[in-house]
Amino acid sequence: MKRKLTVRRAHKSDIHALVKHNIALAAETEELHLDEKIVISGVEAVLNDPRKGIYLIAESDGEIAGQLMITNEWSDWRNGCFWWIQSVYVRPQFRKLGVYRALYQFVKELAQQETSVCGIRLYVDKNNTTAQKAYFNLGMNESHYLLFEDNLDGT
């Protein structure tokens, strides 16, 4: 029996699931062990201030199946805003069931309603070929940009 997927904006009551998923995501994809107190503060900051971003939750028959976060980047070249997809996590038992597809479609529909949004971007670990394939299958293209960073917090 196929389960029904719904997508919604996260509520403050979702904080424990969001924190748990973010910690699992970091461990699974980058072998990072995040400080739970810092992650709680980070998730609370987003839930309390939508200018920092918004979390979306995918549910399957009322059970949280996955999540993602959208943040903004202003483009002076386009006089518009790129939405960055971050913190994508699908619980293992819900993988390969269209959870990310549902989340992405929701993001795309929201973005098309916002006249200031000029595009959707995300970054992915260069070794995460499974995720890359999923993004490609949804119509996303590999950018010509490389990502550089200087982590001021030492991570």
N, C-alpha and C. Protein backbone atom coordinates (compact mmCIF):
# COMPACT_ATOMS: atom_id res chain seq x y z
N MET A 1 0.84 -1.18 0.00
CA MET A 1 0.00 0.00 0.00
C MET A 1 0.89 1.25 0.00
N LYS A 2 0.62 2.17 -0.91
CA LYS A 2 1.39 3.40 -1.00
C LYS A 2 0.92 4.37 0.07
N ARG A 3 1.88 4.96 0.77
CA ARG A 3 1.57 5.92 1.81
C ARG A 3 1.43 7.31 1.21
N LYS A 4 0.58 8.11 1.80
CA LYS A 4 0.35 9.47 1.32
C LYS A 4 1.40 10.40 1.93
N LEU A 5 2.07 11.17 1.07
CA LEU A 5 3.05 12.15 1.51
C LEU A 5 2.43 13.54 1.49
N THR A 6 2.65 14.29 2.56
CA THR A 6 2.26 15.69 2.60
C THR A 6 3.47 16.49 3.05
N VAL A 7 3.53 17.73 2.61
CA VAL A 7 4.62 18.63 2.98
C VAL A 7 4.02 19.86 3.63
N ARG A 8 4.67 20.31 4.67
CA ARG A 8 4.20 21.49 5.40
C ARG A 8 5.40 22.25 5.97
N ARG A 9 5.15 23.47 6.37
CA ARG A 9 6.17 24.23 7.09
C ARG A 9 6.31 23.64 8.49
N ALA A 10 7.53 23.63 8.97
CA ALA A 10 7.78 23.11 10.32
C ALA A 10 7.21 24.06 11.36
N HIS A 11 6.83 23.48 12.48
CA HIS A 11 6.35 24.24 13.64
C HIS A 11 7.38 24.12 14.76
N LYS A 12 7.26 24.98 15.73
CA LYS A 12 8.17 24.92 16.89
C LYS A 12 8.11 23.56 17.57
N SER A 13 6.98 22.90 17.50
CA SER A 13 6.84 21.57 18.12
C SER A 13 7.65 20.49 17.40
N ASP A 14 8.18 20.80 16.22
CA ASP A 14 9.00 19.85 15.44
C ASP A 14 10.48 19.91 15.81
N ILE A 15 10.84 20.76 16.77
CA ILE A 15 12.25 21.01 17.03
C ILE A 15 13.03 19.74 17.34
N HIS A 16 12.48 18.84 18.12
CA HIS A 16 13.24 17.64 18.50
C HIS A 16 13.54 16.77 17.28
N ALA A 17 12.59 16.63 16.38
CA ALA A 17 12.82 15.85 15.16
C ALA A 17 13.84 16.55 14.27
N LEU A 18 13.74 17.86 14.11
CA LEU A 18 14.68 18.60 13.27
C LEU A 18 16.11 18.47 13.80
N VAL A 19 16.26 18.60 15.11
CA VAL A 19 17.59 18.48 15.73
C VAL A 19 18.13 17.07 15.53
N LYS A 20 17.31 16.08 15.80
CA LYS A 20 17.73 14.68 15.64
C LYS A 20 18.16 14.40 14.20
N HIS A 21 17.38 14.90 13.25
CA HIS A 21 17.69 14.67 11.83
C HIS A 21 18.96 15.41 11.41
N ASN A 22 19.15 16.63 11.89
CA ASN A 22 20.37 17.37 11.53
C ASN A 22 21.61 16.67 12.08
N ILE A 23 21.52 16.16 13.29
CA ILE A 23 22.65 15.44 13.88
C ILE A 23 22.93 14.15 13.09
N ALA A 24 21.88 13.44 12.73
CA ALA A 24 22.03 12.21 11.94
C ALA A 24 22.60 12.52 10.55
N LEU A 25 22.15 13.60 9.94
CA LEU A 25 22.64 14.00 8.63
C LEU A 25 24.14 14.27 8.65
N ALA A 26 24.61 15.03 9.63
CA ALA A 26 26.04 15.35 9.73
C ALA A 26 26.87 14.09 9.95
N ALA A 27 26.38 13.19 10.79
CA ALA A 27 27.12 11.96 11.05
C ALA A 27 27.17 11.06 9.82
N GLU A 28 26.05 10.97 9.13
CA GLU A 28 25.92 10.08 7.98
C GLU A 28 26.68 10.58 6.76
N THR A 29 26.63 11.88 6.50
CA THR A 29 27.20 12.39 5.25
C THR A 29 28.63 12.91 5.39
N GLU A 30 28.99 13.39 6.58
CA GLU A 30 30.31 13.99 6.73
C GLU A 30 31.10 13.43 7.92
N GLU A 31 30.52 12.44 8.57
CA GLU A 31 31.14 11.85 9.77
C GLU A 31 31.46 12.91 10.82
N LEU A 32 30.58 13.90 10.92
CA LEU A 32 30.71 14.95 11.93
C LEU A 32 29.82 14.63 13.11
N HIS A 33 30.31 14.88 14.29
CA HIS A 33 29.53 14.68 15.51
C HIS A 33 29.23 16.06 16.08
N LEU A 34 28.01 16.52 15.85
CA LEU A 34 27.61 17.86 16.23
C LEU A 34 27.24 17.94 17.70
N ASP A 35 27.46 19.10 18.28
CA ASP A 35 27.07 19.39 19.66
C ASP A 35 25.56 19.65 19.68
N GLU A 36 24.83 18.82 20.37
CA GLU A 36 23.37 18.91 20.37
C GLU A 36 22.88 20.27 20.85
N LYS A 37 23.53 20.85 21.86
CA LYS A 37 23.09 22.16 22.37
C LYS A 37 23.21 23.24 21.29
N ILE A 38 24.27 23.18 20.51
CA ILE A 38 24.45 24.16 19.44
C ILE A 38 23.40 23.95 18.35
N VAL A 39 23.14 22.69 18.02
CA VAL A 39 22.13 22.41 16.99
C VAL A 39 20.75 22.86 17.47
N ILE A 40 20.42 22.62 18.72
CA ILE A 40 19.13 23.08 19.26
C ILE A 40 19.02 24.59 19.10
N SER A 41 20.07 25.32 19.49
CA SER A 41 20.06 26.78 19.36
C SER A 41 19.92 27.22 17.90
N GLY A 42 20.62 26.51 17.00
CA GLY A 42 20.55 26.85 15.59
C GLY A 42 19.18 26.62 15.00
N VAL A 43 18.56 25.51 15.34
CA VAL A 43 17.22 25.20 14.84
C VAL A 43 16.20 26.18 15.43
N GLU A 44 16.33 26.45 16.73
CA GLU A 44 15.43 27.43 17.36
C GLU A 44 15.53 28.78 16.68
N ALA A 45 16.75 29.19 16.32
CA ALA A 45 16.95 30.49 15.67
C ALA A 45 16.16 30.57 14.38
N VAL A 46 16.16 29.49 13.60
CA VAL A 46 15.40 29.48 12.34
C VAL A 46 13.90 29.48 12.62
N LEU A 47 13.47 28.65 13.55
CA LEU A 47 12.04 28.57 13.85
C LEU A 47 11.49 29.88 14.42
N ASN A 48 12.36 30.65 15.10
CA ASN A 48 11.93 31.92 15.70
C ASN A 48 12.09 33.12 14.77
N ASP A 49 12.84 32.96 13.67
CA ASP A 49 13.10 34.09 12.78
C ASP A 49 13.10 33.61 11.33
N PRO A 50 11.96 33.70 10.64
CA PRO A 50 11.87 33.20 9.26
C PRO A 50 12.82 33.89 8.29
N ARG A 51 13.41 35.04 8.67
CA ARG A 51 14.40 35.68 7.80
C ARG A 51 15.67 34.83 7.70
N LYS A 52 15.91 34.00 8.71
CA LYS A 52 17.08 33.12 8.69
C LYS A 52 16.85 31.92 7.78
N GLY A 53 15.62 31.52 7.63
CA GLY A 53 15.28 30.37 6.80
C GLY A 53 13.96 29.78 7.23
N ILE A 54 13.53 28.77 6.49
CA ILE A 54 12.33 28.02 6.88
C ILE A 54 12.62 26.54 6.72
N TYR A 55 12.08 25.78 7.63
CA TYR A 55 12.14 24.32 7.52
C TYR A 55 10.85 23.81 6.93
N LEU A 56 10.97 22.81 6.08
CA LEU A 56 9.81 22.10 5.56
C LEU A 56 9.89 20.66 6.04
N ILE A 57 8.75 20.10 6.34
CA ILE A 57 8.63 18.73 6.84
C ILE A 57 7.79 17.93 5.86
N ALA A 58 8.26 16.73 5.52
CA ALA A 58 7.45 15.79 4.75
C ALA A 58 6.92 14.76 5.73
N GLU A 59 5.63 14.50 5.64
CA GLU A 59 5.00 13.50 6.50
C GLU A 59 4.39 12.39 5.66
N SER A 60 4.46 11.21 6.20
CA SER A 60 3.84 10.05 5.58
C SER A 60 2.86 9.48 6.59
N ASP A 61 1.58 9.62 6.29
CA ASP A 61 0.53 9.19 7.21
C ASP A 61 0.75 9.74 8.62
N GLY A 62 1.11 11.04 8.70
CA GLY A 62 1.28 11.71 9.98
C GLY A 62 2.63 11.53 10.64
N GLU A 63 3.49 10.70 10.07
CA GLU A 63 4.82 10.46 10.64
C GLU A 63 5.86 11.26 9.86
N ILE A 64 6.77 11.93 10.56
CA ILE A 64 7.80 12.71 9.88
C ILE A 64 8.71 11.78 9.11
N ALA A 65 8.79 12.02 7.81
CA ALA A 65 9.61 11.19 6.92
C ALA A 65 10.89 11.88 6.51
N GLY A 66 10.86 13.21 6.44
CA GLY A 66 12.04 13.95 6.01
C GLY A 66 11.87 15.43 6.21
N GLN A 67 12.95 16.15 5.88
CA GLN A 67 12.96 17.59 6.08
C GLN A 67 13.94 18.25 5.13
N LEU A 68 13.82 19.55 5.03
CA LEU A 68 14.84 20.40 4.43
C LEU A 68 14.65 21.81 4.95
N MET A 69 15.68 22.63 4.73
CA MET A 69 15.62 24.03 5.12
C MET A 69 15.92 24.87 3.89
N ILE A 70 15.26 26.01 3.79
CA ILE A 70 15.51 26.97 2.73
C ILE A 70 16.12 28.22 3.36
N THR A 71 17.24 28.68 2.78
CA THR A 71 17.81 29.96 3.17
C THR A 71 17.90 30.84 1.93
N ASN A 72 18.14 32.13 2.14
CA ASN A 72 18.14 33.11 1.05
C ASN A 72 19.53 33.64 0.76
N GLU A 73 19.78 33.90 -0.52
CA GLU A 73 20.99 34.59 -0.95
C GLU A 73 20.58 35.63 -1.98
N TRP A 74 20.85 36.90 -1.67
CA TRP A 74 20.50 37.96 -2.61
C TRP A 74 21.50 37.99 -3.76
N SER A 75 20.99 38.11 -4.98
CA SER A 75 21.83 38.24 -6.17
C SER A 75 21.67 39.63 -6.75
N ASP A 76 22.71 40.43 -6.64
CA ASP A 76 22.66 41.76 -7.25
C ASP A 76 22.68 41.67 -8.78
N TRP A 77 23.26 40.61 -9.30
CA TRP A 77 23.30 40.42 -10.75
C TRP A 77 21.91 40.18 -11.33
N ARG A 78 21.06 39.57 -10.55
CA ARG A 78 19.72 39.21 -11.05
C ARG A 78 18.60 40.03 -10.40
N ASN A 79 18.99 40.85 -9.42
CA ASN A 79 18.00 41.59 -8.65
C ASN A 79 16.92 40.65 -8.14
N GLY A 80 17.39 39.53 -7.62
CA GLY A 80 16.48 38.52 -7.10
C GLY A 80 17.17 37.67 -6.06
N CYS A 81 16.44 36.77 -5.52
CA CYS A 81 16.91 35.94 -4.42
C CYS A 81 17.02 34.48 -4.86
N PHE A 82 18.16 33.87 -4.57
CA PHE A 82 18.28 32.42 -4.73
C PHE A 82 17.84 31.76 -3.43
N TRP A 83 17.07 30.73 -3.56
CA TRP A 83 16.75 29.90 -2.39
C TRP A 83 17.75 28.76 -2.37
N TRP A 84 18.42 28.61 -1.26
CA TRP A 84 19.36 27.50 -1.05
C TRP A 84 18.65 26.42 -0.25
N ILE A 85 18.70 25.21 -0.75
CA ILE A 85 18.18 24.05 -0.02
C ILE A 85 19.31 23.49 0.83
N GLN A 86 19.05 23.34 2.10
CA GLN A 86 20.04 22.84 3.05
C GLN A 86 19.37 21.83 3.98
N SER A 87 20.20 21.17 4.77
CA SER A 87 19.72 20.27 5.83
C SER A 87 18.69 19.26 5.33
N VAL A 88 18.96 18.70 4.14
CA VAL A 88 18.06 17.69 3.57
C VAL A 88 18.29 16.38 4.30
N TYR A 89 17.23 15.83 4.84
CA TYR A 89 17.34 14.53 5.51
C TYR A 89 16.05 13.76 5.29
N VAL A 90 16.21 12.52 4.87
CA VAL A 90 15.09 11.59 4.75
C VAL A 90 15.41 10.40 5.64
N ARG A 91 14.50 10.08 6.53
CA ARG A 91 14.73 8.96 7.44
C ARG A 91 14.92 7.67 6.63
N PRO A 92 15.83 6.81 7.07
CA PRO A 92 16.19 5.61 6.28
C PRO A 92 15.00 4.78 5.80
N GLN A 93 14.00 4.59 6.64
CA GLN A 93 12.87 3.75 6.25
C GLN A 93 11.97 4.40 5.20
N PHE A 94 12.21 5.69 4.90
CA PHE A 94 11.40 6.40 3.91
C PHE A 94 12.18 6.72 2.63
N ARG A 95 13.40 6.26 2.55
CA ARG A 95 14.21 6.55 1.37
C ARG A 95 13.71 5.76 0.17
N LYS A 96 13.87 6.36 -1.00
CA LYS A 96 13.44 5.78 -2.28
C LYS A 96 11.92 5.70 -2.40
N LEU A 97 11.22 6.51 -1.61
CA LEU A 97 9.75 6.53 -1.66
C LEU A 97 9.20 7.86 -2.14
N GLY A 98 10.07 8.74 -2.65
CA GLY A 98 9.61 10.01 -3.19
C GLY A 98 9.52 11.15 -2.18
N VAL A 99 10.14 10.98 -1.01
CA VAL A 99 10.06 12.02 0.02
C VAL A 99 10.78 13.29 -0.44
N TYR A 100 12.02 13.15 -0.91
CA TYR A 100 12.71 14.35 -1.36
C TYR A 100 12.00 14.97 -2.56
N ARG A 101 11.50 14.16 -3.45
CA ARG A 101 10.75 14.66 -4.61
C ARG A 101 9.58 15.54 -4.15
N ALA A 102 8.85 15.08 -3.15
CA ALA A 102 7.71 15.85 -2.63
C ALA A 102 8.18 17.16 -2.00
N LEU A 103 9.27 17.10 -1.24
CA LEU A 103 9.81 18.31 -0.63
C LEU A 103 10.25 19.31 -1.71
N TYR A 104 10.96 18.82 -2.72
CA TYR A 104 11.47 19.69 -3.77
C TYR A 104 10.32 20.31 -4.56
N GLN A 105 9.32 19.54 -4.88
CA GLN A 105 8.16 20.07 -5.61
C GLN A 105 7.50 21.19 -4.81
N PHE A 106 7.40 21.00 -3.50
CA PHE A 106 6.80 22.02 -2.63
C PHE A 106 7.64 23.29 -2.68
N VAL A 107 8.98 23.14 -2.58
CA VAL A 107 9.89 24.29 -2.66
C VAL A 107 9.70 25.01 -3.99
N LYS A 108 9.68 24.25 -5.06
CA LYS A 108 9.57 24.84 -6.39
C LYS A 108 8.26 25.60 -6.55
N GLU A 109 7.17 25.03 -6.05
CA GLU A 109 5.87 25.71 -6.13
C GLU A 109 5.87 27.00 -5.31
N LEU A 110 6.46 26.95 -4.10
CA LEU A 110 6.57 28.17 -3.28
C LEU A 110 7.41 29.22 -4.01
N ALA A 111 8.54 28.80 -4.58
CA ALA A 111 9.43 29.73 -5.26
C ALA A 111 8.75 30.39 -6.45
N GLN A 112 7.96 29.63 -7.19
CA GLN A 112 7.27 30.18 -8.36
C GLN A 112 6.20 31.20 -7.97
N GLN A 113 5.75 31.15 -6.73
CA GLN A 113 4.76 32.11 -6.24
C GLN A 113 5.41 33.41 -5.77
N GLU A 114 6.71 33.37 -5.52
CA GLU A 114 7.46 34.53 -5.02
C GLU A 114 8.17 35.22 -6.18
N THR A 115 7.78 36.43 -6.51
CA THR A 115 8.37 37.12 -7.65
C THR A 115 9.84 37.45 -7.43
N SER A 116 10.30 37.50 -6.18
CA SER A 116 11.69 37.85 -5.91
C SER A 116 12.65 36.67 -6.06
N VAL A 117 12.13 35.45 -6.15
CA VAL A 117 13.00 34.27 -6.23
C VAL A 117 13.41 34.06 -7.69
N CYS A 118 14.74 34.02 -7.91
CA CYS A 118 15.24 33.87 -9.28
C CYS A 118 15.81 32.47 -9.54
N GLY A 119 15.93 31.65 -8.50
CA GLY A 119 16.45 30.30 -8.71
C GLY A 119 16.55 29.53 -7.41
N ILE A 120 16.81 28.25 -7.56
CA ILE A 120 16.97 27.34 -6.43
C ILE A 120 18.34 26.68 -6.56
N ARG A 121 19.08 26.67 -5.47
CA ARG A 121 20.41 26.07 -5.47
C ARG A 121 20.56 25.15 -4.26
N LEU A 122 21.52 24.27 -4.38
CA LEU A 122 21.94 23.47 -3.24
C LEU A 122 23.36 23.02 -3.47
N TYR A 123 24.00 22.59 -2.41
CA TYR A 123 25.32 21.99 -2.57
C TYR A 123 25.25 20.56 -2.06
N VAL A 124 26.13 19.74 -2.59
CA VAL A 124 26.13 18.32 -2.25
C VAL A 124 27.58 17.86 -2.19
N ASP A 125 27.87 16.96 -1.29
CA ASP A 125 29.21 16.40 -1.20
C ASP A 125 29.56 15.76 -2.53
N LYS A 126 30.78 16.00 -3.01
CA LYS A 126 31.18 15.50 -4.33
C LYS A 126 31.18 13.97 -4.39
N ASN A 127 31.22 13.29 -3.25
CA ASN A 127 31.19 11.84 -3.23
C ASN A 127 29.79 11.25 -3.04
N ASN A 128 28.80 12.11 -2.81
CA ASN A 128 27.44 11.63 -2.58
C ASN A 128 26.71 11.50 -3.92
N THR A 129 27.07 10.46 -4.64
CA THR A 129 26.51 10.27 -5.99
C THR A 129 25.03 9.91 -5.96
N THR A 130 24.57 9.29 -4.88
CA THR A 130 23.14 8.97 -4.76
C THR A 130 22.32 10.24 -4.75
N ALA A 131 22.72 11.20 -3.93
CA ALA A 131 22.00 12.48 -3.87
C ALA A 131 22.11 13.23 -5.19
N GLN A 132 23.30 13.22 -5.78
CA GLN A 132 23.49 13.91 -7.05
C GLN A 132 22.54 13.38 -8.12
N LYS A 133 22.39 12.07 -8.15
CA LYS A 133 21.49 11.45 -9.12
C LYS A 133 20.04 11.89 -8.86
N ALA A 134 19.65 11.93 -7.60
CA ALA A 134 18.29 12.36 -7.25
C ALA A 134 18.04 13.79 -7.71
N TYR A 135 19.01 14.68 -7.48
CA TYR A 135 18.85 16.07 -7.88
C TYR A 135 18.77 16.20 -9.40
N PHE A 136 19.62 15.48 -10.09
CA PHE A 136 19.62 15.49 -11.55
C PHE A 136 18.27 15.00 -12.08
N ASN A 137 17.75 13.92 -11.47
CA ASN A 137 16.47 13.35 -11.92
C ASN A 137 15.29 14.30 -11.72
N LEU A 138 15.46 15.28 -10.85
CA LEU A 138 14.39 16.27 -10.63
C LEU A 138 14.55 17.51 -11.52
N GLY A 139 15.54 17.46 -12.41
CA GLY A 139 15.72 18.56 -13.35
C GLY A 139 16.75 19.59 -12.95
N MET A 140 17.45 19.36 -11.84
CA MET A 140 18.50 20.29 -11.44
C MET A 140 19.76 19.98 -12.26
N ASN A 141 20.56 21.00 -12.48
CA ASN A 141 21.79 20.85 -13.26
C ASN A 141 22.99 21.19 -12.39
N GLU A 142 24.11 20.55 -12.71
CA GLU A 142 25.34 20.86 -12.01
C GLU A 142 25.79 22.26 -12.42
N SER A 143 26.13 23.07 -11.43
CA SER A 143 26.57 24.43 -11.67
C SER A 143 28.03 24.45 -12.11
N HIS A 144 28.43 25.54 -12.71
CA HIS A 144 29.83 25.69 -13.09
C HIS A 144 30.67 26.27 -11.94
N TYR A 145 30.03 26.55 -10.80
CA TYR A 145 30.74 27.10 -9.66
C TYR A 145 31.35 26.00 -8.80
N LEU A 146 32.49 26.31 -8.19
CA LEU A 146 33.06 25.48 -7.14
C LEU A 146 32.77 26.19 -5.83
N LEU A 147 32.67 25.43 -4.76
CA LEU A 147 32.39 26.01 -3.45
C LEU A 147 33.67 26.06 -2.65
N PHE A 148 33.99 27.24 -2.12
CA PHE A 148 35.14 27.40 -1.23
C PHE A 148 34.61 27.89 0.11
N GLU A 149 35.34 27.59 1.18
CA GLU A 149 34.88 28.04 2.48
C GLU A 149 36.05 28.26 3.42
N ASP A 150 35.81 29.06 4.43
CA ASP A 150 36.75 29.30 5.52
C ASP A 150 35.91 29.24 6.78
N ASN A 151 35.91 28.08 7.42
CA ASN A 151 35.06 27.89 8.60
C ASN A 151 35.67 28.56 9.81
N LEU A 152 35.07 29.64 10.21
CA LEU A 152 35.59 30.42 11.31
C LEU A 152 35.36 29.78 12.67
N ASP A 153 34.48 28.78 12.70
CA ASP A 153 34.22 28.09 13.98
C ASP A 153 35.13 26.86 14.16
N GLY A 154 36.01 26.61 13.20
CA GLY A 154 36.96 25.51 13.33
C GLY A 154 36.47 24.15 12.90
N THR A 155 35.24 24.05 12.42
CA THR A 155 34.75 22.73 11.98
C THR A 155 35.11 22.48 10.54
